[in-house]
Amino acid sequence: MRTLAFLLTLFFLTNCGGTRPGTYHNDAINQETSLQVTALHDQVIKALQQNKTHVVEGVLSEELKADHDAIHAFLERSSELLVNSKSKITDAYHVVNRGSDAAVSIISEDSSSADAFQIRYQAQTPESYVIVSMPNVQGDAYRIFMVFGKYEESWQLDILNMGRYTVAEKTAIDFYETAKEEEAKGHLTNAINAMVIATSIASPADPYWQYRAHDEMMAYNDALMQKALDAYPMPMSIESIATKPEIFKVMPQRVEDKICTMVKYRSSININDTIALAAENALLHDLMPAAFKGIDSEVPYIFYRVYNEAPKEGVTVPYYGFVNETEQAIKLTP
């Protein structure tokens, strides 16, 4: 009887690659398994760098191959970004379940930190392997997310995703914290700018990879946006200027590592009359710190786009632009 129990256990472990059910992280992963899947990861990255999509297709599972148009578009975009870059693996997880089609949920080991994240996906096979890697591209950081499934003959790629992880060397959590600090100062516009960026990079591999604070961030963002709508109803007519320019949108504008503000407004002055436009814009610029508290705080510029008619979705509308220095920039000028 003991012999039978031993043989059944041995049979199960053999079918799971010699690994008991569970989730194994980085150094705890079986070395042979790690080498096999890491080699496939490296093969995919190299193929993307060289724009050899047919090589990537050779690693894809049948389910991923079925989404042909979407995967081809993704491979083309990825190849443009990853040319001449290398990729460093930041996290790896070997997940062993008792059966296929299991919902997998992985929480990062630093679960108490602000940057803690959660990975969720539907495993297609009893064994799956997650790799999160970081390409060393210039500028903003990205994360590449891969999930491999162990099929009868080999490991195959079930999920492939990539997204922006930082903007100006800050993560979504960094921008979230900045937004709360700016709101506490009464700098509502700056807080909104920070959250616009935070939400844009909140899920680098959406929907598989998310910060554990994701729901908290989204709830804060919703409340902040409602507060902004109450404080700054758009369009906003500036009655104190004779030409009554009408602001219809305020949004973040990145300048290197600084997040400035872009103000879009409609003017009754023809945009070809640049002298009159400049005079109106100078008056508007002077009013900005009072109208939008903090808009000129710790940033060198405020950007403007002036239109004769507000743009509509899908329709190109001509505009004229201004870039005006703030008091901060003037102080920094030698």
C-alpha atoms as a PDB file:
ATOM      1  CA  MET A   1       0.000   0.000   0.000  1.00  0.00           C
ATOM      2  CA  ARG A   2       2.867   2.368   0.882  1.00  0.00           C
ATOM      3  CA  THR A   3       4.528   1.446  -2.407  1.00  0.00           C
ATOM      4  CA  LEU A   4       1.381   2.368  -4.343  1.00  0.00           C
ATOM      5  CA  ALA A   5       1.110   5.717  -2.553  1.00  0.00           C
ATOM      6  CA  PHE A   6       4.762   6.412  -3.299  1.00  0.00           C
ATOM      7  CA  LEU A   7       4.306   5.574  -6.981  1.00  0.00           C
ATOM      8  CA  LEU A   8       1.238   7.799  -7.263  1.00  0.00           C
ATOM      9  CA  THR A   9       3.140  10.696  -5.684  1.00  0.00           C
ATOM     10  CA  LEU A  10       6.096  10.085  -7.975  1.00  0.00           C
ATOM     11  CA  PHE A  11       3.786   9.976 -11.015  1.00  0.00           C
ATOM     12  CA  PHE A  12       2.193  13.297 -10.050  1.00  0.00           C
ATOM     13  CA  LEU A  13       5.518  15.028  -9.424  1.00  0.00           C
ATOM     14  CA  THR A  14       6.929  13.745 -12.701  1.00  0.00           C
ATOM     15  CA  ASN A  15       3.965  15.133 -14.611  1.00  0.00           C
ATOM     16  CA  CYS A  16       4.532  18.502 -12.934  1.00  0.00           C
ATOM     17  CA  GLY A  17       8.197  18.654 -13.823  1.00  0.00           C
ATOM     18  CA  GLY A  18       9.286  17.398 -10.414  1.00  0.00           C
ATOM     19  CA  THR A  19       7.705  20.383  -8.673  1.00  0.00           C
ATOM     20  CA  ARG A  20       4.881  20.333  -6.153  1.00  0.00           C
ATOM     21  CA  PRO A  21       1.838  22.582  -6.781  1.00  0.00           C
ATOM     22  CA  GLY A  22       2.555  26.158  -5.796  1.00  0.00           C
ATOM     23  CA  THR A  23       4.162  29.386  -6.976  1.00  0.00           C
ATOM     24  CA  TYR A  24       7.942  29.613  -7.159  1.00  0.00           C
ATOM     25  CA  HIS A  25       9.681  32.983  -7.420  1.00  0.00           C
ATOM     26  CA  ASN A  26      13.087  33.759  -8.943  1.00  0.00           C
ATOM     27  CA  ASP A  27      15.809  31.715  -7.156  1.00  0.00           C
ATOM     28  CA  ALA A  28      13.248  29.198  -5.852  1.00  0.00           C
ATOM     29  CA  ILE A  29      12.471  28.085  -9.418  1.00  0.00           C
ATOM     30  CA  ASN A  30      13.850  24.770 -10.622  1.00  0.00           C
ATOM     31  CA  GLN A  31      17.072  25.600 -12.483  1.00  0.00           C
ATOM     32  CA  GLU A  32      16.345  23.419 -15.505  1.00  0.00           C
ATOM     33  CA  THR A  33      12.895  24.947 -15.927  1.00  0.00           C
ATOM     34  CA  SER A  34      14.314  28.437 -15.499  1.00  0.00           C
ATOM     35  CA  LEU A  35      16.953  27.859 -18.178  1.00  0.00           C
ATOM     36  CA  GLN A  36      14.385  26.475 -20.642  1.00  0.00           C
ATOM     37  CA  VAL A  37      11.914  29.336 -20.341  1.00  0.00           C
ATOM     38  CA  THR A  38      14.528  32.082 -20.028  1.00  0.00           C
ATOM     39  CA  ALA A  39      16.008  30.878 -23.321  1.00  0.00           C
ATOM     40  CA  LEU A  40      12.576  31.273 -24.952  1.00  0.00           C
ATOM     41  CA  HIS A  41      12.206  34.749 -23.450  1.00  0.00           C
ATOM     42  CA  ASP A  42      15.598  35.717 -24.860  1.00  0.00           C
ATOM     43  CA  GLN A  43      14.614  34.281 -28.235  1.00  0.00           C
ATOM     44  CA  VAL A  44      11.457  36.400 -28.326  1.00  0.00           C
ATOM     45  CA  ILE A  45      13.316  39.562 -27.284  1.00  0.00           C
ATOM     46  CA  LYS A  46      16.035  39.018 -29.894  1.00  0.00           C
ATOM     47  CA  ALA A  47      13.444  38.415 -32.603  1.00  0.00           C
ATOM     48  CA  LEU A  48      11.616  41.610 -31.633  1.00  0.00           C
ATOM     49  CA  GLN A  49      14.882  43.560 -31.702  1.00  0.00           C
ATOM     50  CA  GLN A  50      15.540  42.314 -35.225  1.00  0.00           C
ATOM     51  CA  ASN A  51      11.900  42.654 -36.330  1.00  0.00           C
ATOM     52  CA  LYS A  52      11.730  38.923 -37.111  1.00  0.00           C
ATOM     53  CA  THR A  53       8.088  38.399 -36.293  1.00  0.00           C
ATOM     54  CA  HIS A  54       8.079  34.938 -37.877  1.00  0.00           C
ATOM     55  CA  VAL A  55      10.532  33.786 -35.180  1.00  0.00           C
ATOM     56  CA  VAL A  56       8.180  35.034 -32.449  1.00  0.00           C
ATOM     57  CA  GLU A  57       5.267  33.286 -34.142  1.00  0.00           C
ATOM     58  CA  GLY A  58       7.152  29.996 -33.826  1.00  0.00           C
ATOM     59  CA  VAL A  59       6.984  30.278 -30.024  1.00  0.00           C
ATOM     60  CA  LEU A  60       3.312  31.303 -29.772  1.00  0.00           C
ATOM     61  CA  SER A  61       0.624  28.963 -28.515  1.00  0.00           C
ATOM     62  CA  GLU A  62      -2.220  28.124 -30.892  1.00  0.00           C
ATOM     63  CA  GLU A  63      -4.578  30.397 -28.944  1.00  0.00           C
ATOM     64  CA  LEU A  64      -2.266  33.390 -29.291  1.00  0.00           C
ATOM     65  CA  LYS A  65      -1.674  32.645 -32.977  1.00  0.00           C
ATOM     66  CA  ALA A  66      -5.434  32.738 -33.518  1.00  0.00           C
ATOM     67  CA  ASP A  67      -5.466  36.469 -32.694  1.00  0.00           C
ATOM     68  CA  HIS A  68      -3.323  37.055 -35.785  1.00  0.00           C
ATOM     69  CA  ASP A  69      -4.044  40.713 -36.594  1.00  0.00           C
ATOM     70  CA  ALA A  70      -3.719  41.964 -33.023  1.00  0.00           C
ATOM     71  CA  ILE A  71      -0.488  40.073 -32.347  1.00  0.00           C
ATOM     72  CA  HIS A  72       1.050  41.259 -35.628  1.00  0.00           C
ATOM     73  CA  ALA A  73       0.249  44.893 -34.817  1.00  0.00           C
ATOM     74  CA  PHE A  74       1.734  44.443 -31.338  1.00  0.00           C
ATOM     75  CA  LEU A  75       4.919  42.852 -32.712  1.00  0.00           C
ATOM     76  CA  GLU A  76       5.408  45.700 -35.175  1.00  0.00           C
ATOM     77  CA  ARG A  77       5.041  48.358 -32.459  1.00  0.00           C
ATOM     78  CA  SER A  78       7.294  46.477 -30.069  1.00  0.00           C
ATOM     79  CA  SER A  79      10.015  45.965 -32.642  1.00  0.00           C
ATOM     80  CA  GLU A  80      10.245  49.710 -33.280  1.00  0.00           C
ATOM     81  CA  LEU A  81      10.819  50.359 -29.572  1.00  0.00           C
ATOM     82  CA  LEU A  82      13.177  47.458 -28.863  1.00  0.00           C
ATOM     83  CA  VAL A  83      15.632  47.879 -31.757  1.00  0.00           C
ATOM     84  CA  ASN A  84      19.212  47.829 -30.425  1.00  0.00           C
ATOM     85  CA  SER A  85      18.068  47.270 -26.839  1.00  0.00           C
ATOM     86  CA  LYS A  86      18.646  44.514 -24.314  1.00  0.00           C
ATOM     87  CA  SER A  87      16.171  43.238 -21.761  1.00  0.00           C
ATOM     88  CA  LYS A  88      16.771  42.398 -18.109  1.00  0.00           C
ATOM     89  CA  ILE A  89      14.452  39.998 -16.279  1.00  0.00           C
ATOM     90  CA  THR A  90      13.151  41.665 -13.117  1.00  0.00           C
ATOM     91  CA  ASP A  91      10.807  38.903 -11.918  1.00  0.00           C
ATOM     92  CA  ALA A  92      10.029  35.293 -12.782  1.00  0.00           C
ATOM     93  CA  TYR A  93       7.324  32.992 -11.398  1.00  0.00           C
ATOM     94  CA  HIS A  94       6.824  29.289 -12.026  1.00  0.00           C
ATOM     95  CA  VAL A  95       3.216  28.371 -11.234  1.00  0.00           C
ATOM     96  CA  VAL A  96       2.149  24.740 -10.848  1.00  0.00           C
ATOM     97  CA  ASN A  97      -1.573  23.926 -10.581  1.00  0.00           C
ATOM     98  CA  ARG A  98      -3.358  20.602 -10.292  1.00  0.00           C
ATOM     99  CA  GLY A  99      -5.181  21.189 -13.566  1.00  0.00           C
ATOM    100  CA  SER A 100      -5.418  23.490 -16.562  1.00  0.00           C
ATOM    101  CA  ASP A 101      -7.669  26.538 -17.026  1.00  0.00           C
ATOM    102  CA  ALA A 102      -6.899  27.837 -13.540  1.00  0.00           C
ATOM    103  CA  ALA A 103      -7.211  31.470 -12.461  1.00  0.00           C
ATOM    104  CA  VAL A 104      -3.758  32.497 -11.260  1.00  0.00           C
ATOM    105  CA  SER A 105      -3.184  35.351  -8.826  1.00  0.00           C
ATOM    106  CA  ILE A 106       0.344  36.327  -7.736  1.00  0.00           C
ATOM    107  CA  ILE A 107       1.122  39.022  -5.183  1.00  0.00           C
ATOM    108  CA  SER A 108       4.621  40.525  -5.126  1.00  0.00           C
ATOM    109  CA  GLU A 109       6.762  39.614  -2.140  1.00  0.00           C
ATOM    110  CA  ASP A 110       7.038  43.282  -1.093  1.00  0.00           C
ATOM    111  CA  SER A 111       3.278  43.341  -0.544  1.00  0.00           C
ATOM    112  CA  SER A 112       3.457  46.076   2.094  1.00  0.00           C
ATOM    113  CA  SER A 113       5.369  48.572  -0.060  1.00  0.00           C
ATOM    114  CA  ALA A 114       3.723  51.303  -2.124  1.00  0.00           C
ATOM    115  CA  ASP A 115       5.000  49.709  -5.351  1.00  0.00           C
ATOM    116  CA  ALA A 116       3.536  46.266  -4.552  1.00  0.00           C
ATOM    117  CA  PHE A 117       1.802  44.678  -7.522  1.00  0.00           C
ATOM    118  CA  GLN A 118      -0.486  41.805  -8.405  1.00  0.00           C
ATOM    119  CA  ILE A 119      -0.418  39.540 -11.457  1.00  0.00           C
ATOM    120  CA  ARG A 120      -3.609  37.836 -12.635  1.00  0.00           C
ATOM    121  CA  TYR A 121      -4.184  35.605 -15.641  1.00  0.00           C
ATOM    122  CA  GLN A 122      -5.994  32.480 -16.764  1.00  0.00           C
ATOM    123  CA  ALA A 123      -3.517  29.609 -17.091  1.00  0.00           C
ATOM    124  CA  GLN A 124      -4.076  27.402 -20.137  1.00  0.00           C
ATOM    125  CA  THR A 125      -1.959  24.520 -18.808  1.00  0.00           C
ATOM    126  CA  PRO A 126      -1.211  23.012 -15.374  1.00  0.00           C
ATOM    127  CA  GLU A 127       2.238  24.604 -15.461  1.00  0.00           C
ATOM    128  CA  SER A 128       2.796  28.237 -16.431  1.00  0.00           C
ATOM    129  CA  TYR A 129       5.762  30.538 -16.206  1.00  0.00           C
ATOM    130  CA  VAL A 130       5.648  34.333 -15.879  1.00  0.00           C
ATOM    131  CA  ILE A 131       8.518  36.607 -16.876  1.00  0.00           C
ATOM    132  CA  VAL A 132       8.525  40.362 -16.311  1.00  0.00           C
ATOM    133  CA  SER A 133      11.465  42.076 -17.995  1.00  0.00           C
ATOM    134  CA  MET A 134      12.754  45.597 -18.495  1.00  0.00           C
ATOM    135  CA  PRO A 135      14.189  46.687 -21.863  1.00  0.00           C
ATOM    136  CA  ASN A 136      16.993  49.240 -21.598  1.00  0.00           C
ATOM    137  CA  VAL A 137      15.443  51.703 -24.029  1.00  0.00           C
ATOM    138  CA  GLN A 138      16.252  55.404 -23.894  1.00  0.00           C
ATOM    139  CA  GLY A 139      13.834  57.658 -22.059  1.00  0.00           C
ATOM    140  CA  ASP A 140      10.866  56.213 -20.184  1.00  0.00           C
ATOM    141  CA  ALA A 141      11.061  52.706 -18.751  1.00  0.00           C
ATOM    142  CA  TYR A 142       8.851  49.891 -20.052  1.00  0.00           C
ATOM    143  CA  ARG A 143       7.910  46.446 -18.790  1.00  0.00           C
ATOM    144  CA  ILE A 144       7.518  43.375 -20.990  1.00  0.00           C
ATOM    145  CA  PHE A 145       5.133  40.731 -19.677  1.00  0.00           C
ATOM    146  CA  MET A 146       5.185  37.121 -20.888  1.00  0.00           C
ATOM    147  CA  VAL A 147       3.317  34.027 -19.730  1.00  0.00           C
ATOM    148  CA  PHE A 148       4.439  30.659 -21.078  1.00  0.00           C
ATOM    149  CA  GLY A 149       2.399  27.476 -20.790  1.00  0.00           C
ATOM    150  CA  LYS A 150       3.903  23.992 -20.678  1.00  0.00           C
ATOM    151  CA  TYR A 151       2.231  21.939 -23.388  1.00  0.00           C
ATOM    152  CA  GLU A 152       2.931  18.268 -24.173  1.00  0.00           C
ATOM    153  CA  GLU A 153       5.895  18.917 -26.422  1.00  0.00           C
ATOM    154  CA  SER A 154       7.277  22.247 -25.231  1.00  0.00           C
ATOM    155  CA  TRP A 155       6.809  25.566 -23.488  1.00  0.00           C
ATOM    156  CA  GLN A 156       4.781  28.010 -25.600  1.00  0.00           C
ATOM    157  CA  LEU A 157       3.939  31.687 -25.235  1.00  0.00           C
ATOM    158  CA  ASP A 158       0.336  32.243 -24.104  1.00  0.00           C
ATOM    159  CA  ILE A 159       0.434  35.967 -23.202  1.00  0.00           C
ATOM    160  CA  LEU A 160       2.649  38.759 -24.534  1.00  0.00           C
ATOM    161  CA  ASN A 161       2.196  42.353 -23.427  1.00  0.00           C
ATOM    162  CA  MET A 162       4.242  45.506 -22.959  1.00  0.00           C
ATOM    163  CA  GLY A 163       3.572  48.933 -21.517  1.00  0.00           C
ATOM    164  CA  ARG A 164       5.136  52.099 -20.193  1.00  0.00           C
ATOM    165  CA  TYR A 165       6.279  51.795 -16.574  1.00  0.00           C
ATOM    166  CA  THR A 166       7.645  55.289 -15.882  1.00  0.00           C
ATOM    167  CA  VAL A 167       7.350  58.836 -17.204  1.00  0.00           C
ATOM    168  CA  ALA A 168      10.234  61.199 -16.413  1.00  0.00           C
ATOM    169  CA  GLU A 169      11.672  58.480 -14.125  1.00  0.00           C
ATOM    170  CA  LYS A 170       8.504  58.336 -12.003  1.00  0.00           C
ATOM    171  CA  THR A 171       6.084  55.426 -11.646  1.00  0.00           C
ATOM    172  CA  ALA A 172       2.306  55.657 -11.398  1.00  0.00           C
ATOM    173  CA  ILE A 173       2.624  55.409  -7.620  1.00  0.00           C
ATOM    174  CA  ASP A 174       5.074  58.337  -7.595  1.00  0.00           C
ATOM    175  CA  PHE A 175       2.620  60.482  -9.572  1.00  0.00           C
ATOM    176  CA  TYR A 176      -0.230  59.375  -7.305  1.00  0.00           C
ATOM    177  CA  GLU A 177       1.713  60.532  -4.242  1.00  0.00           C
ATOM    178  CA  THR A 178       2.591  63.799  -6.019  1.00  0.00           C
ATOM    179  CA  ALA A 179      -1.088  64.376  -6.813  1.00  0.00           C
ATOM    180  CA  LYS A 180      -2.076  64.029  -3.170  1.00  0.00           C
ATOM    181  CA  GLU A 181       0.699  66.420  -2.113  1.00  0.00           C
ATOM    182  CA  GLU A 182      -0.330  68.989  -4.733  1.00  0.00           C
ATOM    183  CA  GLU A 183      -3.993  68.749  -3.795  1.00  0.00           C
ATOM    184  CA  ALA A 184      -3.069  69.337  -0.151  1.00  0.00           C
ATOM    185  CA  LYS A 185      -1.334  72.584  -1.227  1.00  0.00           C
ATOM    186  CA  GLY A 186      -4.453  73.668  -3.106  1.00  0.00           C
ATOM    187  CA  HIS A 187      -2.734  73.123  -6.468  1.00  0.00           C
ATOM    188  CA  LEU A 188      -5.643  71.326  -8.082  1.00  0.00           C
ATOM    189  CA  THR A 189      -4.391  71.669 -11.668  1.00  0.00           C
ATOM    190  CA  ASN A 190      -1.022  70.139 -10.763  1.00  0.00           C
ATOM    191  CA  ALA A 191      -2.771  67.291  -8.957  1.00  0.00           C
ATOM    192  CA  ILE A 192      -4.909  66.600 -12.018  1.00  0.00           C
ATOM    193  CA  ASN A 193      -1.853  66.649 -14.295  1.00  0.00           C
ATOM    194  CA  ALA A 194      -0.128  64.110 -12.056  1.00  0.00           C
ATOM    195  CA  MET A 195      -3.159  61.802 -12.027  1.00  0.00           C
ATOM    196  CA  VAL A 196      -3.616  62.001 -15.798  1.00  0.00           C
ATOM    197  CA  ILE A 197      -0.112  60.572 -16.131  1.00  0.00           C
ATOM    198  CA  ALA A 198      -0.536  58.147 -13.207  1.00  0.00           C
ATOM    199  CA  THR A 199      -3.622  56.567 -14.747  1.00  0.00           C
ATOM    200  CA  SER A 200      -1.934  56.317 -18.156  1.00  0.00           C
ATOM    201  CA  ILE A 201       0.839  54.098 -16.722  1.00  0.00           C
ATOM    202  CA  ALA A 202      -1.071  52.451 -13.873  1.00  0.00           C
ATOM    203  CA  SER A 203      -1.193  49.065 -15.622  1.00  0.00           C
ATOM    204  CA  PRO A 204       1.993  48.462 -17.644  1.00  0.00           C
ATOM    205  CA  ALA A 205       0.610  45.097 -18.778  1.00  0.00           C
ATOM    206  CA  ASP A 206      -3.110  45.682 -18.589  1.00  0.00           C
ATOM    207  CA  PRO A 207      -5.091  43.683 -17.525  1.00  0.00           C
ATOM    208  CA  TYR A 208      -2.543  41.153 -16.257  1.00  0.00           C
ATOM    209  CA  TRP A 209      -0.237  43.331 -14.131  1.00  0.00           C
ATOM    210  CA  GLN A 210      -1.517  45.993 -11.757  1.00  0.00           C
ATOM    211  CA  TYR A 211      -0.392  47.809  -8.652  1.00  0.00           C
ATOM    212  CA  ARG A 212      -2.131  46.596  -5.523  1.00  0.00           C
ATOM    213  CA  ALA A 213      -3.092  50.250  -4.938  1.00  0.00           C
ATOM    214  CA  HIS A 214      -4.802  50.340  -8.360  1.00  0.00           C
ATOM    215  CA  ASP A 215      -8.393  50.522  -7.090  1.00  0.00           C
ATOM    216  CA  GLU A 216      -7.389  53.094  -4.471  1.00  0.00           C
ATOM    217  CA  MET A 217      -5.726  55.216  -7.164  1.00  0.00           C
ATOM    218  CA  MET A 218      -8.729  55.009  -9.474  1.00  0.00           C
ATOM    219  CA  ALA A 219     -11.122  55.993  -6.684  1.00  0.00           C
ATOM    220  CA  TYR A 220      -8.922  58.970  -5.814  1.00  0.00           C
ATOM    221  CA  ASN A 221      -8.737  59.937  -9.493  1.00  0.00           C
ATOM    222  CA  ASP A 222     -12.524  59.861  -9.867  1.00  0.00           C
ATOM    223  CA  ALA A 223     -12.985  62.064  -6.789  1.00  0.00           C
ATOM    224  CA  LEU A 224     -10.278  64.476  -7.951  1.00  0.00           C
ATOM    225  CA  MET A 225     -11.774  64.805 -11.433  1.00  0.00           C
ATOM    226  CA  GLN A 226     -15.184  65.586  -9.960  1.00  0.00           C
ATOM    227  CA  LYS A 227     -13.574  68.201  -7.725  1.00  0.00           C
ATOM    228  CA  ALA A 228     -11.924  69.724 -10.806  1.00  0.00           C
ATOM    229  CA  LEU A 229     -15.223  69.830 -12.707  1.00  0.00           C
ATOM    230  CA  ASP A 230     -16.809  71.686  -9.782  1.00  0.00           C
ATOM    231  CA  ALA A 231     -13.889  74.108  -9.418  1.00  0.00           C
ATOM    232  CA  TYR A 232     -13.230  74.721 -13.117  1.00  0.00           C
ATOM    233  CA  PRO A 233     -16.392  74.286 -15.193  1.00  0.00           C
ATOM    234  CA  MET A 234     -15.456  74.198 -18.854  1.00  0.00           C
ATOM    235  CA  PRO A 235     -15.587  76.149 -21.074  1.00  0.00           C
ATOM    236  CA  MET A 236     -14.299  78.992 -18.867  1.00  0.00           C
ATOM    237  CA  SER A 237     -14.762  82.486 -20.285  1.00  0.00           C
ATOM    238  CA  ILE A 238     -12.193  85.037 -19.066  1.00  0.00           C
ATOM    239  CA  GLU A 239     -14.453  88.059 -18.675  1.00  0.00           C
ATOM    240  CA  SER A 240     -11.712  90.379 -17.410  1.00  0.00           C
ATOM    241  CA  ILE A 241     -10.071  90.382 -20.856  1.00  0.00           C
ATOM    242  CA  ALA A 242     -11.905  92.452 -23.467  1.00  0.00           C
ATOM    243  CA  THR A 243     -11.736  89.742 -26.140  1.00  0.00           C
ATOM    244  CA  LYS A 244     -13.110  87.182 -23.632  1.00  0.00           C
ATOM    245  CA  PRO A 245     -10.925  84.159 -24.521  1.00  0.00           C
ATOM    246  CA  GLU A 246     -12.614  80.898 -23.590  1.00  0.00           C
ATOM    247  CA  ILE A 247     -10.542  78.123 -21.988  1.00  0.00           C
ATOM    248  CA  PHE A 248     -11.909  74.694 -22.849  1.00  0.00           C
ATOM    249  CA  LYS A 249      -9.134  72.320 -21.787  1.00  0.00           C
ATOM    250  CA  VAL A 250      -6.215  72.181 -19.340  1.00  0.00           C
ATOM    251  CA  MET A 251      -3.848  69.219 -19.589  1.00  0.00           C
ATOM    252  CA  PRO A 252      -0.297  68.082 -18.740  1.00  0.00           C
ATOM    253  CA  GLN A 253       2.557  68.964 -21.093  1.00  0.00           C
ATOM    254  CA  ARG A 254       5.851  67.217 -20.552  1.00  0.00           C
ATOM    255  CA  VAL A 255       9.154  69.053 -20.973  1.00  0.00           C
ATOM    256  CA  GLU A 256      12.026  66.638 -20.369  1.00  0.00           C
ATOM    257  CA  ASP A 257      11.655  65.689 -16.672  1.00  0.00           C
ATOM    258  CA  LYS A 258       9.132  68.438 -15.869  1.00  0.00           C
ATOM    259  CA  ILE A 259       5.349  68.181 -16.108  1.00  0.00           C
ATOM    260  CA  CYS A 260       4.069  71.594 -17.154  1.00  0.00           C
ATOM    261  CA  THR A 261       0.545  72.603 -18.167  1.00  0.00           C
ATOM    262  CA  MET A 262      -0.998  73.102 -21.587  1.00  0.00           C
ATOM    263  CA  VAL A 263      -3.944  75.542 -21.707  1.00  0.00           C
ATOM    264  CA  LYS A 264      -6.184  75.296 -24.760  1.00  0.00           C
ATOM    265  CA  TYR A 265      -8.557  78.157 -25.452  1.00  0.00           C
ATOM    266  CA  ARG A 266     -10.745  79.672 -28.121  1.00  0.00           C
ATOM    267  CA  SER A 267     -10.220  83.275 -29.231  1.00  0.00           C
ATOM    268  CA  SER A 268     -12.343  85.672 -31.275  1.00  0.00           C
ATOM    269  CA  ILE A 269      -9.091  87.018 -32.797  1.00  0.00           C
ATOM    270  CA  ASN A 270      -8.162  85.436 -36.117  1.00  0.00           C
ATOM    271  CA  ILE A 271      -5.269  83.053 -35.470  1.00  0.00           C
ATOM    272  CA  ASN A 272      -3.449  84.578 -38.454  1.00  0.00           C
ATOM    273  CA  ASP A 273      -3.281  87.903 -36.589  1.00  0.00           C
ATOM    274  CA  THR A 274      -0.354  86.819 -34.453  1.00  0.00           C
ATOM    275  CA  ILE A 275       0.384  90.277 -33.031  1.00  0.00           C
ATOM    276  CA  ALA A 276      -3.115  90.644 -31.600  1.00  0.00           C
ATOM    277  CA  LEU A 277      -3.063  87.019 -30.443  1.00  0.00           C
ATOM    278  CA  ALA A 278       0.218  87.595 -28.585  1.00  0.00           C
ATOM    279  CA  ALA A 279      -1.203  90.633 -26.807  1.00  0.00           C
ATOM    280  CA  GLU A 280      -4.266  88.665 -25.708  1.00  0.00           C
ATOM    281  CA  ASN A 281      -2.125  85.725 -24.641  1.00  0.00           C
ATOM    282  CA  ALA A 282       0.129  87.958 -22.513  1.00  0.00           C
ATOM    283  CA  LEU A 283      -2.936  89.151 -20.597  1.00  0.00           C
ATOM    284  CA  LEU A 284      -4.175  85.586 -20.183  1.00  0.00           C
ATOM    285  CA  HIS A 285      -0.782  84.384 -19.024  1.00  0.00           C
ATOM    286  CA  ASP A 286      -0.704  87.015 -16.291  1.00  0.00           C
ATOM    287  CA  LEU A 287      -4.032  85.733 -14.956  1.00  0.00           C
ATOM    288  CA  MET A 288      -3.096  82.049 -14.881  1.00  0.00           C
ATOM    289  CA  PRO A 289      -1.532  81.837 -11.375  1.00  0.00           C
ATOM    290  CA  ALA A 290      -4.675  83.363  -9.854  1.00  0.00           C
ATOM    291  CA  ALA A 291      -7.101  81.354 -11.997  1.00  0.00           C
ATOM    292  CA  PHE A 292      -5.282  78.038 -11.525  1.00  0.00           C
ATOM    293  CA  LYS A 293      -3.338  78.118  -8.266  1.00  0.00           C
ATOM    294  CA  GLY A 294       0.065  76.453  -8.509  1.00  0.00           C
ATOM    295  CA  ILE A 295       0.085  76.221 -12.307  1.00  0.00           C
ATOM    296  CA  ASP A 296       3.414  78.090 -12.352  1.00  0.00           C
ATOM    297  CA  SER A 297       4.895  76.314  -9.326  1.00  0.00           C
ATOM    298  CA  GLU A 298       8.292  74.655  -9.857  1.00  0.00           C
ATOM    299  CA  VAL A 299       7.923  74.531 -13.645  1.00  0.00           C
ATOM    300  CA  PRO A 300       9.679  76.658 -16.267  1.00  0.00           C
ATOM    301  CA  TYR A 301       6.821  77.142 -18.739  1.00  0.00           C
ATOM    302  CA  ILE A 302       3.095  77.261 -19.376  1.00  0.00           C
ATOM    303  CA  PHE A 303       2.045  76.169 -22.868  1.00  0.00           C
ATOM    304  CA  TYR A 304      -0.911  77.555 -24.816  1.00  0.00           C
ATOM    305  CA  ARG A 305      -2.813  76.582 -27.936  1.00  0.00           C
ATOM    306  CA  VAL A 306      -5.296  79.090 -29.269  1.00  0.00           C
ATOM    307  CA  TYR A 307      -8.086  78.164 -31.680  1.00  0.00           C
ATOM    308  CA  ASN A 308     -10.819  80.040 -33.464  1.00  0.00           C
ATOM    309  CA  GLU A 309     -13.075  77.056 -32.958  1.00  0.00           C
ATOM    310  CA  ALA A 310     -12.773  74.235 -30.460  1.00  0.00           C
ATOM    311  CA  PRO A 311     -11.415  71.048 -32.069  1.00  0.00           C
ATOM    312  CA  LYS A 312     -13.729  68.120 -32.656  1.00  0.00           C
ATOM    313  CA  GLU A 313     -12.830  64.467 -32.539  1.00  0.00           C
ATOM    314  CA  GLY A 314     -11.434  63.293 -35.858  1.00  0.00           C
ATOM    315  CA  VAL A 315     -11.347  66.817 -37.306  1.00  0.00           C
ATOM    316  CA  THR A 316      -8.091  68.762 -37.707  1.00  0.00           C
ATOM    317  CA  VAL A 317      -8.512  72.365 -36.588  1.00  0.00           C
ATOM    318  CA  PRO A 318      -5.751  74.979 -37.057  1.00  0.00           C
ATOM    319  CA  TYR A 319      -4.268  76.618 -33.981  1.00  0.00           C
ATOM    320  CA  TYR A 320      -1.449  78.921 -32.915  1.00  0.00           C
ATOM    321  CA  GLY A 321       0.882  78.126 -30.037  1.00  0.00           C
ATOM    322  CA  PHE A 322       2.653  80.056 -27.298  1.00  0.00           C
ATOM    323  CA  VAL A 323       5.236  78.957 -24.742  1.00  0.00           C
ATOM    324  CA  ASN A 324       5.502  81.434 -21.898  1.00  0.00           C
ATOM    325  CA  GLU A 325       8.074  81.412 -19.124  1.00  0.00           C
ATOM    326  CA  THR A 326       6.927  81.339 -15.504  1.00  0.00           C
ATOM    327  CA  GLU A 327       8.416  83.308 -12.621  1.00  0.00           C
ATOM    328  CA  GLN A 328      10.273  80.106 -11.748  1.00  0.00           C
ATOM    329  CA  ALA A 329      12.025  80.147 -15.138  1.00  0.00           C
ATOM    330  CA  ILE A 330      12.863  83.826 -14.833  1.00  0.00           C
ATOM    331  CA  LYS A 331      14.484  83.224 -11.443  1.00  0.00           C
ATOM    332  CA  LEU A 332      16.597  80.438 -12.930  1.00  0.00           C
ATOM    333  CA  THR A 333      17.775  82.577 -15.858  1.00  0.00           C
ATOM    334  CA  PRO A 334      21.335  83.849 -15.182  1.00  0.00           C
END
